[in-house]
Protein backbone atom coordinates (compact mmCIF):
# COMPACT_ATOMS: atom_id res chain seq x y z
CA UNK A 1 44.44 68.80 -156.60
CA UNK A 2 42.04 66.67 -154.48
CA UNK A 3 44.99 64.08 -154.09
CA UNK A 4 47.32 66.96 -153.04
CA UNK A 5 44.96 68.43 -150.83
CA UNK A 6 44.55 65.06 -149.15
CA UNK A 7 48.11 64.72 -148.80
CA UNK A 8 48.40 68.25 -147.03
CA UNK A 9 45.60 67.28 -144.76
CA UNK A 10 47.19 63.95 -143.68
CA UNK A 11 50.60 65.62 -143.02
CA UNK A 12 48.86 68.28 -140.84
CA UNK A 13 47.13 65.86 -138.96
CA UNK A 14 50.30 63.77 -138.43
CA UNK A 15 52.06 66.90 -137.21
CA UNK A 16 49.21 67.75 -134.96
CA UNK A 17 49.37 64.24 -133.47
CA UNK A 18 53.26 64.29 -133.09
CA UNK A 19 54.68 65.65 -129.64
CA UNK A 20 57.36 68.33 -129.98
CA UNK A 21 60.63 67.12 -128.38
CA UNK A 22 64.15 66.37 -129.36
CA UNK A 23 63.57 62.83 -130.34
CA UNK A 24 60.56 63.94 -132.74
CA UNK A 25 62.50 66.98 -134.19
CA UNK A 26 63.95 65.05 -137.25
CA UNK A 27 60.45 63.72 -137.97
CA UNK A 28 58.84 66.98 -137.75
CA UNK A 29 61.56 68.75 -140.02
CA UNK A 30 60.87 65.98 -142.74
CA UNK A 31 57.23 66.57 -142.59
CA UNK A 32 57.63 70.54 -142.81
CA UNK A 33 59.60 69.88 -145.90
CA UNK A 34 57.03 67.73 -147.50
CA UNK A 35 54.41 70.14 -146.49
CA UNK A 36 56.15 73.03 -148.19
CA UNK A 37 56.75 70.98 -151.41
CA UNK A 38 53.08 70.19 -151.62
CA UNK A 39 51.86 73.70 -150.93
CA UNK A 40 54.32 74.92 -153.78
CA UNK A 41 52.36 72.41 -156.18
CA UNK A 42 49.28 74.09 -155.42
CA UNK A 43 50.58 77.50 -155.99
CA UNK A 44 52.18 76.61 -159.23
CA UNK A 45 50.12 73.94 -160.87
CA UNK A 46 51.62 72.10 -163.91
CA UNK A 47 49.37 73.63 -166.46
CA UNK A 48 48.92 71.92 -169.54
CA UNK A 49 47.22 74.67 -171.35
CA UNK A 50 48.71 78.21 -171.86
CA UNK A 51 47.50 79.62 -168.43
CA UNK A 52 50.11 81.16 -166.21
CA UNK A 53 50.78 79.74 -162.72
CA UNK A 54 48.85 81.15 -159.76
CA UNK A 55 47.66 83.93 -161.69
CA UNK A 56 46.65 87.13 -159.86
CA UNK A 57 44.24 89.90 -160.75
CA UNK A 58 45.50 91.88 -163.74
CA UNK A 59 46.21 95.31 -161.89
CA UNK A 60 48.64 97.43 -163.38
CA UNK A 61 51.23 98.53 -160.76
CA UNK A 62 51.25 102.52 -160.62
CA UNK A 63 52.80 104.95 -158.13
CA UNK A 64 55.95 104.48 -155.90
CA UNK A 65 54.66 101.74 -153.57
CA UNK A 66 51.87 99.26 -153.42
CA UNK A 67 49.80 98.49 -150.30
CA UNK A 68 47.28 95.53 -150.26
CA UNK A 69 44.23 95.59 -148.11
CA UNK A 70 43.67 91.82 -146.90
CA UNK A 71 41.00 90.58 -144.53
CA UNK A 72 37.78 88.39 -144.24
CA UNK A 73 34.66 89.41 -146.10
CA UNK A 74 32.82 92.49 -144.72
CA UNK A 75 35.40 93.86 -142.18
CA UNK A 76 35.31 97.32 -143.91
CA UNK A 77 38.25 97.10 -146.60
CA UNK A 78 36.22 98.88 -149.21
CA UNK A 79 35.01 101.51 -146.90
CA UNK A 80 38.56 102.11 -145.84
CA UNK A 81 39.63 102.54 -149.49
CA UNK A 82 36.78 104.98 -150.29
CA UNK A 83 37.66 107.14 -147.45
CA UNK A 84 41.32 107.20 -147.98
CA UNK A 85 41.36 107.34 -151.76
CA UNK A 86 37.88 108.44 -152.97
CA UNK A 87 37.92 105.48 -155.27
CA UNK A 88 34.53 103.77 -155.46
CA UNK A 89 34.62 100.15 -154.40
CA UNK A 90 31.13 98.73 -153.85
CA UNK A 91 30.09 98.54 -150.19
CA UNK A 92 27.31 96.50 -148.46
CA UNK A 93 26.61 94.62 -145.49
CA UNK A 94 26.66 91.23 -147.00
CA UNK A 95 29.67 88.94 -147.31
CA UNK A 96 31.86 88.78 -150.83
CA UNK A 97 30.69 92.25 -152.00
CA UNK A 98 34.08 92.99 -153.79
CA UNK A 99 34.89 90.01 -156.20
CA UNK A 100 37.57 91.48 -158.10
CA UNK A 101 40.84 93.60 -157.24
CA UNK A 102 39.93 97.39 -156.70
CA UNK A 103 42.94 99.90 -157.00
CA UNK A 104 42.97 103.28 -155.65
CA UNK A 105 45.96 105.86 -155.53
CA UNK A 106 46.71 108.20 -152.65
CA UNK A 107 49.37 110.94 -152.62
CA UNK A 108 51.02 111.17 -149.25
CA UNK A 109 54.03 113.28 -148.45
CA UNK A 110 54.73 113.69 -152.22
CA UNK A 111 54.55 109.96 -153.01
CA UNK A 112 51.92 108.13 -154.89
CA UNK A 113 50.75 104.92 -152.80
CA UNK A 114 48.58 102.57 -154.78
CA UNK A 115 45.94 100.85 -152.28
CA UNK A 116 44.63 97.57 -153.46
CA UNK A 117 41.18 96.28 -152.16
CA UNK A 118 41.55 92.65 -152.31
CA UNK A 119 38.53 90.21 -152.29
CA UNK A 120 37.84 88.63 -148.94
CA UNK A 121 39.82 85.78 -147.80
CA UNK A 122 38.25 82.82 -146.52
CA UNK A 123 39.76 79.94 -144.43
CA UNK A 124 41.53 77.51 -146.75
CA UNK A 125 42.55 80.23 -149.37
CA UNK A 126 46.17 78.70 -149.45
CA UNK A 127 44.65 75.56 -150.53
CA UNK A 128 42.93 77.13 -153.43
CA UNK A 129 39.38 77.72 -151.81
CA UNK A 130 37.57 80.72 -152.86
CA UNK A 131 39.43 83.18 -155.13
CA UNK A 132 42.21 82.85 -152.33
CA UNK A 133 45.06 81.94 -155.00
CA UNK A 134 44.62 84.98 -156.92
CA UNK A 135 44.13 87.28 -153.81
CA UNK A 136 47.47 86.13 -152.30
CA UNK A 137 49.44 86.20 -155.56
CA UNK A 138 48.42 89.77 -155.92
CA UNK A 139 49.34 90.30 -152.36
CA UNK A 140 52.91 88.96 -152.96
CA UNK A 141 53.63 91.94 -155.29
CA UNK A 142 52.89 94.58 -152.74
CA UNK A 143 55.43 96.63 -150.85
CA UNK A 144 53.33 96.42 -147.59
CA UNK A 145 50.29 94.44 -146.41
CA UNK A 146 47.52 96.15 -144.54
CA UNK A 147 45.38 93.29 -142.71
CA UNK A 148 41.92 94.74 -141.85
CA UNK A 149 40.44 93.16 -138.81
CA UNK A 150 37.09 93.67 -137.10
CA UNK A 151 37.22 94.76 -133.72
CA UNK A 152 33.96 93.13 -132.54
CA UNK A 153 35.06 89.77 -134.15
CA UNK A 154 37.59 87.56 -132.30
CA UNK A 155 41.23 87.93 -132.67
CA UNK A 156 41.22 84.31 -134.04
CA UNK A 157 40.68 86.00 -137.36
CA UNK A 158 44.21 87.44 -137.21
CA UNK A 159 45.82 84.10 -136.74
CA UNK A 160 43.65 82.63 -139.65
CA UNK A 161 45.02 85.22 -142.11
CA UNK A 162 48.51 84.97 -140.97
CA UNK A 163 48.44 81.16 -141.47
CA UNK A 164 46.93 81.59 -145.07
CA UNK A 165 49.55 84.33 -145.90
CA UNK A 166 52.42 82.05 -144.38
CA UNK A 167 51.13 79.09 -146.63
CA UNK A 168 51.68 81.25 -149.40
CA UNK A 169 55.19 81.99 -148.58
CA UNK A 170 54.60 85.56 -147.42
CA UNK A 171 56.46 86.18 -144.15
CA UNK A 172 55.10 89.26 -142.22
CA UNK A 173 57.30 91.63 -140.23
CA UNK A 174 60.16 89.15 -140.31
CA UNK A 175 63.69 89.37 -141.60
CA UNK A 176 65.07 86.75 -144.12
CA UNK A 177 66.92 83.96 -142.27
CA UNK A 178 70.43 84.78 -141.45
CA UNK A 179 72.04 81.44 -142.79
CA UNK A 180 73.83 80.75 -145.88
CA UNK A 181 72.98 77.63 -148.01
CA UNK A 182 75.33 76.57 -150.89
CA UNK A 183 74.90 73.58 -152.97
CA UNK A 184 78.14 71.74 -154.05
CA UNK A 185 79.05 68.82 -156.40
CA UNK A 186 80.33 66.44 -153.70
CA UNK A 187 81.38 66.23 -150.07
CA UNK A 188 77.91 65.40 -148.58
CA UNK A 189 75.99 67.80 -146.24
CA UNK A 190 78.24 69.91 -144.11
CA UNK A 191 76.76 71.94 -141.23
CA UNK A 192 78.34 74.67 -139.34
CA UNK A 193 77.25 77.15 -136.65
CA UNK A 194 78.44 80.19 -134.86
CA UNK A 195 75.90 79.63 -132.20
CA UNK A 196 74.40 77.01 -130.20
CA UNK A 197 71.67 75.11 -131.93
CA UNK A 198 68.44 73.89 -130.07
CA UNK A 199 66.38 73.34 -133.12
CA UNK A 200 68.38 71.84 -135.84
CA UNK A 201 70.96 69.04 -135.66
CA UNK A 202 72.96 67.41 -138.79
CA UNK A 203 70.45 64.50 -138.77
CA UNK A 204 67.35 66.81 -139.36
CA UNK A 205 69.17 68.90 -141.79
CA UNK A 206 70.10 66.01 -143.76
CA UNK A 207 66.36 64.79 -143.66
CA UNK A 208 65.10 68.11 -145.01
CA UNK A 209 67.80 68.15 -147.85
CA UNK A 210 67.09 64.74 -148.68
CA UNK A 211 63.56 65.59 -149.17
CA UNK A 212 64.64 68.01 -151.78
CA UNK A 213 67.11 65.71 -153.31
CA UNK A 214 70.13 67.79 -152.18
CA UNK A 215 72.79 65.37 -151.05
CA UNK A 216 75.81 67.81 -151.16
CA UNK A 217 75.60 71.18 -149.48
CA UNK A 218 77.32 73.56 -147.09
CA UNK A 219 74.93 75.18 -144.47
CA UNK A 220 76.30 77.86 -142.18
CA UNK A 221 73.85 79.08 -139.29
CA UNK A 222 74.55 82.33 -137.80
CA UNK A 223 71.74 82.23 -135.30
CA UNK A 224 69.41 79.70 -133.54
CA UNK A 225 67.49 78.64 -136.77
CA UNK A 226 64.51 76.38 -137.07
CA UNK A 227 63.44 73.78 -139.68
CA UNK A 228 61.14 76.31 -141.17
CA UNK A 229 63.92 78.76 -141.56
CA UNK A 230 66.10 76.13 -143.62
CA UNK A 231 63.00 75.26 -145.70
CA UNK A 232 62.33 78.95 -146.44
CA UNK A 233 65.98 79.33 -147.83
CA UNK A 234 65.88 76.00 -149.80
CA UNK A 235 62.50 76.95 -151.26
CA UNK A 236 63.73 80.54 -152.12
CA UNK A 237 60.28 81.80 -153.08
CA UNK A 238 59.63 83.59 -149.94
CA UNK A 239 58.62 87.21 -149.76
CA UNK A 240 59.39 89.21 -146.32
CA UNK A 241 57.32 92.21 -146.21
CA UNK A 242 56.05 94.69 -143.42
CA UNK A 243 52.48 94.31 -142.14
CA UNK A 244 50.12 96.50 -140.11
CA UNK A 245 46.87 95.26 -138.57
CA UNK A 246 44.17 97.90 -139.06
CA UNK A 247 41.50 97.28 -136.50
CA UNK A 248 38.27 98.78 -137.85
CA UNK A 249 34.99 99.40 -136.24
CA UNK A 250 36.58 100.69 -132.95
CA UNK A 251 33.55 102.77 -132.45
CA UNK A 252 31.62 99.48 -131.31
CA UNK A 253 34.06 98.65 -128.66
CA UNK A 254 34.71 99.86 -124.93
CA UNK A 255 37.44 102.30 -124.21
CA UNK A 256 39.17 99.69 -122.13
CA UNK A 257 39.31 97.11 -125.02
CA UNK A 258 40.76 99.94 -127.06
CA UNK A 259 43.57 100.57 -124.51
CA UNK A 260 44.55 96.93 -124.75
CA UNK A 261 44.60 96.95 -128.56
CA UNK A 262 46.56 99.90 -128.73
CA UNK A 263 49.40 98.36 -126.70
CA UNK A 264 49.91 95.54 -129.40
CA UNK A 265 52.77 95.68 -131.92
CA UNK A 266 52.08 96.75 -135.64
CA UNK A 267 48.50 97.75 -134.54
CA UNK A 268 46.49 100.70 -135.61
CA UNK A 269 42.96 101.22 -134.40
CA UNK A 270 40.56 103.05 -136.75
CA UNK A 271 36.82 103.61 -137.84
CA UNK A 272 36.53 103.84 -141.47
CA UNK A 273 32.94 104.74 -141.41
CA UNK A 274 33.45 107.53 -138.83
CA UNK A 275 36.73 108.45 -140.37
CA UNK A 276 38.72 108.15 -136.89
CA UNK A 277 42.47 107.77 -136.77
CA UNK A 278 42.84 107.49 -140.70
CA UNK A 279 45.78 110.15 -140.61
CA UNK A 280 47.42 107.82 -137.99
CA UNK A 281 46.90 104.93 -140.21
CA UNK A 282 48.67 106.62 -143.15
CA UNK A 283 51.45 107.86 -141.07
CA UNK A 284 52.12 104.36 -139.81
CA UNK A 285 51.88 103.02 -143.56
CA UNK A 286 54.56 105.60 -144.44
CA UNK A 287 56.89 104.60 -141.43
CA UNK A 288 56.67 100.84 -142.60
CA UNK A 289 57.09 101.49 -146.31
CA UNK A 290 60.21 103.10 -145.31
CA UNK A 291 60.60 105.38 -148.50
CA UNK A 292 63.30 107.94 -149.27
CA UNK A 293 62.20 111.26 -150.78
CA UNK A 294 64.85 112.95 -152.90
CA UNK A 295 64.21 116.57 -154.41
CA UNK A 296 65.88 117.49 -157.89
CA UNK A 297 67.62 120.97 -158.35
CA UNK A 298 68.15 122.01 -161.91
CA UNK A 299 71.27 124.21 -162.56
CA UNK A 300 70.77 127.81 -161.40
CA UNK A 301 67.35 127.11 -160.12
CA UNK A 302 65.57 126.34 -156.80
CA UNK A 303 65.04 122.86 -155.67
CA UNK A 304 61.60 121.31 -156.83
CA UNK A 305 60.15 120.28 -153.37
CA UNK A 306 56.75 119.63 -155.13
CA UNK A 307 57.48 116.44 -157.03
CA UNK A 308 60.00 114.31 -155.06
CA UNK A 309 61.71 111.25 -156.65
CA UNK A 310 60.80 108.20 -154.45
CA UNK A 311 63.28 105.66 -153.83
CA UNK A 312 63.17 102.42 -151.64
CA UNK A 313 65.23 102.23 -148.38
CA UNK A 314 67.30 99.27 -149.86
CA UNK A 315 68.12 101.02 -153.13
CA UNK A 316 68.84 104.56 -152.65
CA UNK A 317 72.17 105.37 -154.30
CA UNK A 318 72.90 108.32 -156.76
CA UNK A 319 72.72 105.55 -159.42
CA UNK A 320 69.47 104.27 -158.32
CA UNK A 321 68.24 107.98 -158.49
CA UNK A 322 69.42 108.51 -161.96
CA UNK A 323 67.87 105.11 -163.06
CA UNK A 324 64.44 106.39 -161.62
CA UNK A 325 64.69 109.58 -163.57
CA UNK A 326 65.90 108.08 -167.19
CA UNK A 327 67.64 104.92 -167.88
CA UNK A 328 70.21 106.81 -170.28
CA UNK A 329 71.12 109.38 -167.53
CA UNK A 330 74.05 107.34 -166.25
CA UNK A 331 75.71 107.47 -169.77
CA UNK A 332 76.01 111.15 -169.39
CA UNK A 333 76.57 111.27 -165.57
CA UNK A 334 79.83 113.07 -164.42
CA UNK A 335 79.21 113.70 -160.75
CA UNK A 336 76.35 114.85 -158.30
CA UNK A 337 76.06 117.71 -156.00
CA UNK A 338 74.31 116.61 -152.58
CA UNK A 339 72.63 118.85 -149.93
CA UNK A 340 70.93 117.29 -146.93
CA UNK A 341 71.90 114.62 -144.19
CA UNK A 342 73.84 112.60 -146.31
CA UNK A 343 76.22 115.32 -147.28
CA UNK A 344 79.29 115.99 -145.04
CA UNK A 345 79.31 119.71 -146.40
CA UNK A 346 76.97 121.62 -148.44
CA UNK A 347 76.99 120.77 -151.19
CA UNK A 348 79.04 117.72 -151.42
CA UNK A 349 80.58 116.43 -154.76
CA UNK A 350 79.87 112.75 -154.87
CA UNK A 351 79.98 109.67 -157.17
CA UNK A 352 77.17 107.37 -158.23
CA UNK A 353 77.81 105.01 -155.32
CA UNK A 354 76.94 107.67 -152.69
CA UNK A 355 73.94 106.56 -150.53
CA UNK A 356 71.13 109.32 -150.08
CA UNK A 357 69.04 110.13 -147.13
CA UNK A 358 65.43 111.13 -146.76
CA UNK A 359 64.69 114.75 -148.10
CA UNK A 360 68.32 115.18 -149.83
CA UNK A 361 68.45 117.68 -152.69
CA UNK A 362 70.61 116.31 -155.64
CA UNK A 363 71.99 118.06 -158.82
CA UNK A 364 73.32 115.99 -161.48
CA UNK A 365 76.27 117.43 -163.61
CA UNK A 366 76.47 115.86 -167.02
CA UNK A 367 79.47 115.15 -169.16
CA UNK A 368 80.09 117.86 -171.75
């Protein structure tokens, strides 16, 4: 591990020394690809024994969505979890109070949301320091990341945590790169683009592919992609998730500072200790999770508004709804009746491909 760490440090030093311009773009692209490969080696060490690669904390996934609280030690993650869920996570004013992952569940708008209080991240977590690897391996399984920051500590903490998460292949508040990468058996590297490229040229692309021993591939860019975007697509193990920055301890800063923080995107100022703006934080978490609530309606009865079926915004067809209730339901499925904003008339008779909207009411009609 020490040799890999040394290699990473050498590459990072060389990248810091290299000026960024068109002449060095090719060289920097090559260094970034080498860096991504070395980082992957740290994350998934070649274990000789039976130990799993980059193991997380063994926390059973429960509820409809999972939110991970990530932050430096003693910024108030445990206090926030206690106030929101009523779960007891040990609180003290010294660093590293939480040494394992504490789960808590909160019911909000009919959805059960699991909150994970992860141990404090220290700088260098992505390189295996502290329990950083387990913390971030668990963070990768979340639907949304809640980065808890201390209002009285400098904003540099935010950049450090982002750097640690980026090093682990977690991309915050970003969409997957809009480019296609297809390997082939022969024909060399072929680069096509629908826009003008300022970051990538054929030489840089060939250098990056060469580092991964890919000599034949078709690459089509639909926007002005960077070397990092291409590496992310080749690596293929990146996780794209929404992230909220919860600025804790706002009772200790001035009103002027608070007004500045409030203007920043993805920010939510709170005070866990005094319970200020916790409802605003939950509202933001709900917005970022982008969940869809579907109410069931048994035949001849009123809809059940107490216990909605929760679907993700990416998978919300009638078929997904049936699978969420029971895996054998589709075998008996004849058609569905839908009331709500996705229906053109009330009720609308639909097939299993129909896309549902938030707070639709669905009645499944089974085959006789």
